[in-house]
Amino acid sequence: MGIVHAKIKLDNPKRANLKAIEINALVDTGSLFLCLPEEVRLELQLEESSKKEVTTADGKRCLCPYVGPVRVQFENRECYVGAVVLGDEVLLGAVPMEDMDLVVVPSVRRLVVNPLHPNFAAGPAK
């Protein structure tokens, strides 16, 4: 499929005085979480609420800070999620993508809103 990146906006809904940041995130359907580097956590003043054990692509397990809430925006979609503090770039995983009803189009390596629901996010509730 290749590497996919997407421009997203991130902000801290607990700190309305802070400006949202726009960032080019790595899109990873094989990851569950939104992952943020420490410098983004600091910029958004996100507080740690707990720890999560994550398994990285190389099979290593590590205990990472879990922070939030984070508001994620992509085109006409938004969601509120927690984030794992890990790595050196923002990674958009499956949980926020599912919440916003986004799909990856492999042939053009793009993240798009679900064409079946172009005006609003949709999904199963039970």
C-alpha atoms as a PDB file:
ATOM      1  CA  MET A   1       0.000   0.000   0.000  1.00  0.00           C
ATOM      2  CA  GLY A   2       2.833   2.408   0.719  1.00  0.00           C
ATOM      3  CA  ILE A   3       3.159   5.220   3.201  1.00  0.00           C
ATOM      4  CA  VAL A   4       0.207   7.573   3.678  1.00  0.00           C
ATOM      5  CA  HIS A   5       0.300  10.972   5.364  1.00  0.00           C
ATOM      6  CA  ALA A   6      -2.573  13.349   6.102  1.00  0.00           C
ATOM      7  CA  LYS A   7      -2.879  16.895   7.414  1.00  0.00           C
ATOM      8  CA  ILE A   8      -4.789  16.910  10.696  1.00  0.00           C
ATOM      9  CA  LYS A   9      -5.456  19.494  13.390  1.00  0.00           C
ATOM     10  CA  LEU A  10      -4.908  18.697  17.036  1.00  0.00           C
ATOM     11  CA  ASP A  11      -5.975  20.657  20.076  1.00  0.00           C
ATOM     12  CA  ASN A  12      -6.566  20.315  23.795  1.00  0.00           C
ATOM     13  CA  PRO A  13     -10.260  20.893  24.563  1.00  0.00           C
ATOM     14  CA  LYS A  14      -9.372  21.548  28.224  1.00  0.00           C
ATOM     15  CA  ARG A  15      -7.215  24.526  27.206  1.00  0.00           C
ATOM     16  CA  ALA A  16      -9.362  26.745  24.975  1.00  0.00           C
ATOM     17  CA  ASN A  17      -6.714  29.470  25.107  1.00  0.00           C
ATOM     18  CA  LEU A  18      -4.194  27.298  23.226  1.00  0.00           C
ATOM     19  CA  LYS A  19      -4.103  27.431  19.456  1.00  0.00           C
ATOM     20  CA  ALA A  20      -4.706  24.190  17.533  1.00  0.00           C
ATOM     21  CA  ILE A  21      -1.720  22.793  15.695  1.00  0.00           C
ATOM     22  CA  GLU A  22      -1.851  21.534  12.121  1.00  0.00           C
ATOM     23  CA  ILE A  23       0.468  18.637  11.462  1.00  0.00           C
ATOM     24  CA  ASN A  24       1.258  16.079   8.773  1.00  0.00           C
ATOM     25  CA  ALA A  25       0.511  12.740  10.433  1.00  0.00           C
ATOM     26  CA  LEU A  26       1.559   9.262   9.408  1.00  0.00           C
ATOM     27  CA  VAL A  27      -1.600   7.222   8.762  1.00  0.00           C
ATOM     28  CA  ASP A  28      -1.284   3.674  10.090  1.00  0.00           C
ATOM     29  CA  THR A  29      -4.252   1.293   9.853  1.00  0.00           C
ATOM     30  CA  GLY A  30      -2.198  -1.323  11.714  1.00  0.00           C
ATOM     31  CA  SER A  31      -1.943   0.836  14.828  1.00  0.00           C
ATOM     32  CA  LEU A  32      -4.825   1.412  17.232  1.00  0.00           C
ATOM     33  CA  PHE A  33      -3.881   4.665  18.878  1.00  0.00           C
ATOM     34  CA  LEU A  34      -3.175   8.279  18.149  1.00  0.00           C
ATOM     35  CA  CYS A  35       0.534   8.547  18.962  1.00  0.00           C
ATOM     36  CA  LEU A  36       2.171  11.865  19.767  1.00  0.00           C
ATOM     37  CA  PRO A  37       5.810  12.789  20.263  1.00  0.00           C
ATOM     38  CA  GLU A  38       6.665  14.378  23.600  1.00  0.00           C
ATOM     39  CA  GLU A  39       7.104  17.843  22.043  1.00  0.00           C
ATOM     40  CA  VAL A  40       3.494  17.796  20.747  1.00  0.00           C
ATOM     41  CA  ARG A  41       2.247  16.691  24.177  1.00  0.00           C
ATOM     42  CA  LEU A  42       4.091  19.630  25.721  1.00  0.00           C
ATOM     43  CA  GLU A  43       2.845  22.121  23.118  1.00  0.00           C
ATOM     44  CA  LEU A  44      -0.782  21.067  23.707  1.00  0.00           C
ATOM     45  CA  GLN A  45      -0.240  20.851  27.491  1.00  0.00           C
ATOM     46  CA  LEU A  46      -1.792  17.388  27.624  1.00  0.00           C
ATOM     47  CA  GLU A  47      -1.825  15.751  31.033  1.00  0.00           C
ATOM     48  CA  GLU A  48      -0.970  12.112  31.635  1.00  0.00           C
ATOM     49  CA  SER A  49      -3.916  10.160  33.044  1.00  0.00           C
ATOM     50  CA  SER A  50      -2.442   6.645  32.984  1.00  0.00           C
ATOM     51  CA  LYS A  51      -0.022   4.336  31.180  1.00  0.00           C
ATOM     52  CA  LYS A  52      -0.628   1.978  28.257  1.00  0.00           C
ATOM     53  CA  GLU A  53       1.476  -0.975  27.240  1.00  0.00           C
ATOM     54  CA  VAL A  54       1.997  -0.886  23.487  1.00  0.00           C
ATOM     55  CA  THR A  55       3.697  -3.256  21.096  1.00  0.00           C
ATOM     56  CA  THR A  56       5.732  -1.492  18.426  1.00  0.00           C
ATOM     57  CA  ALA A  57       6.238  -2.673  14.848  1.00  0.00           C
ATOM     58  CA  ASP A  58       9.506  -4.381  15.791  1.00  0.00           C
ATOM     59  CA  GLY A  59       7.680  -6.499  18.401  1.00  0.00           C
ATOM     60  CA  LYS A  60       8.991  -4.646  21.458  1.00  0.00           C
ATOM     61  CA  ARG A  61       6.631  -3.833  24.313  1.00  0.00           C
ATOM     62  CA  CYS A  62       6.882  -0.561  26.168  1.00  0.00           C
ATOM     63  CA  LEU A  63       4.909   1.288  28.800  1.00  0.00           C
ATOM     64  CA  CYS A  64       3.928   4.731  27.513  1.00  0.00           C
ATOM     65  CA  PRO A  65       2.170   7.750  28.995  1.00  0.00           C
ATOM     66  CA  TYR A  66      -1.502   8.013  28.005  1.00  0.00           C
ATOM     67  CA  VAL A  67      -2.699  11.621  27.688  1.00  0.00           C
ATOM     68  CA  GLY A  68      -5.793  13.480  26.679  1.00  0.00           C
ATOM     69  CA  PRO A  69      -8.341  14.312  25.715  1.00  0.00           C
ATOM     70  CA  VAL A  70      -7.181  15.378  22.261  1.00  0.00           C
ATOM     71  CA  ARG A  71      -9.518  16.781  19.649  1.00  0.00           C
ATOM     72  CA  VAL A  72      -8.546  15.522  16.193  1.00  0.00           C
ATOM     73  CA  GLN A  73      -9.896  17.204  13.055  1.00  0.00           C
ATOM     74  CA  PHE A  74      -9.667  16.012   9.453  1.00  0.00           C
ATOM     75  CA  GLU A  75     -11.626  17.821   6.746  1.00  0.00           C
ATOM     76  CA  ASN A  76     -15.279  17.882   7.946  1.00  0.00           C
ATOM     77  CA  ARG A  77     -14.715  15.326  10.735  1.00  0.00           C
ATOM     78  CA  GLU A  78     -13.620  15.446  14.350  1.00  0.00           C
ATOM     79  CA  CYS A  79     -13.212  13.124  17.299  1.00  0.00           C
ATOM     80  CA  TYR A  80     -11.986  13.209  20.867  1.00  0.00           C
ATOM     81  CA  VAL A  81      -9.472  10.549  21.875  1.00  0.00           C
ATOM     82  CA  GLY A  82      -6.663   9.759  24.241  1.00  0.00           C
ATOM     83  CA  ALA A  83      -3.146   9.512  22.867  1.00  0.00           C
ATOM     84  CA  VAL A  84      -0.046   7.473  23.573  1.00  0.00           C
ATOM     85  CA  VAL A  85       3.156   9.498  23.915  1.00  0.00           C
ATOM     86  CA  LEU A  86       5.579   7.623  21.684  1.00  0.00           C
ATOM     87  CA  GLY A  87       7.896   8.187  18.756  1.00  0.00           C
ATOM     88  CA  ASP A  88       9.120  11.182  16.821  1.00  0.00           C
ATOM     89  CA  GLU A  89       6.090  11.912  14.623  1.00  0.00           C
ATOM     90  CA  VAL A  90       2.317  12.039  14.965  1.00  0.00           C
ATOM     91  CA  LEU A  91       0.724   8.730  14.016  1.00  0.00           C
ATOM     92  CA  LEU A  92      -3.005   8.464  13.302  1.00  0.00           C
ATOM     93  CA  GLY A  93      -4.195   4.956  14.190  1.00  0.00           C
ATOM     94  CA  ALA A  94      -7.368   2.988  13.562  1.00  0.00           C
ATOM     95  CA  VAL A  95      -9.383   4.177  16.603  1.00  0.00           C
ATOM     96  CA  PRO A  96      -9.551   7.860  15.603  1.00  0.00           C
ATOM     97  CA  MET A  97      -9.924   6.920  11.922  1.00  0.00           C
ATOM     98  CA  GLU A  98     -12.896   4.673  12.705  1.00  0.00           C
ATOM     99  CA  ASP A  99     -14.420   7.322  14.965  1.00  0.00           C
ATOM    100  CA  MET A 100     -14.242   9.879  12.137  1.00  0.00           C
ATOM    101  CA  ASP A 101     -15.348   7.334   9.489  1.00  0.00           C
ATOM    102  CA  LEU A 102     -12.207   7.758   7.373  1.00  0.00           C
ATOM    103  CA  VAL A 103     -10.798   5.349   4.811  1.00  0.00           C
ATOM    104  CA  VAL A 104      -7.426   4.937   3.131  1.00  0.00           C
ATOM    105  CA  VAL A 105      -7.397   4.777  -0.668  1.00  0.00           C
ATOM    106  CA  PRO A 106      -4.296   2.666  -1.371  1.00  0.00           C
ATOM    107  CA  SER A 107      -4.094   3.379  -5.117  1.00  0.00           C
ATOM    108  CA  VAL A 108      -3.482   7.083  -4.504  1.00  0.00           C
ATOM    109  CA  ARG A 109      -2.091   6.795  -0.956  1.00  0.00           C
ATOM    110  CA  ARG A 110      -4.649   9.184   0.516  1.00  0.00           C
ATOM    111  CA  LEU A 111      -6.819   9.381   3.589  1.00  0.00           C
ATOM    112  CA  VAL A 112     -10.378  10.472   2.720  1.00  0.00           C
ATOM    113  CA  VAL A 113     -13.757  10.772   4.367  1.00  0.00           C
ATOM    114  CA  ASN A 114     -15.856   7.681   3.723  1.00  0.00           C
ATOM    115  CA  PRO A 115     -17.505   8.280   0.315  1.00  0.00           C
ATOM    116  CA  LEU A 116     -20.587   6.394   1.544  1.00  0.00           C
ATOM    117  CA  HIS A 117     -21.054   9.105   4.202  1.00  0.00           C
ATOM    118  CA  PRO A 118     -19.560  12.313   2.763  1.00  0.00           C
ATOM    119  CA  ASN A 119     -21.392  14.802   5.018  1.00  0.00           C
ATOM    120  CA  PHE A 120     -21.068  13.174   8.443  1.00  0.00           C
ATOM    121  CA  ALA A 121     -19.379  10.277  10.169  1.00  0.00           C
ATOM    122  CA  ALA A 122     -21.412   7.088  10.481  1.00  0.00           C
ATOM    123  CA  GLY A 123     -20.870   3.704  12.050  1.00  0.00           C
ATOM    124  CA  PRO A 124     -22.388   0.897  14.078  1.00  0.00           C
ATOM    125  CA  ALA A 125     -23.539   1.671  17.607  1.00  0.00           C
ATOM    126  CA  LYS A 126     -24.261  -1.869  18.776  1.00  0.00           C
END
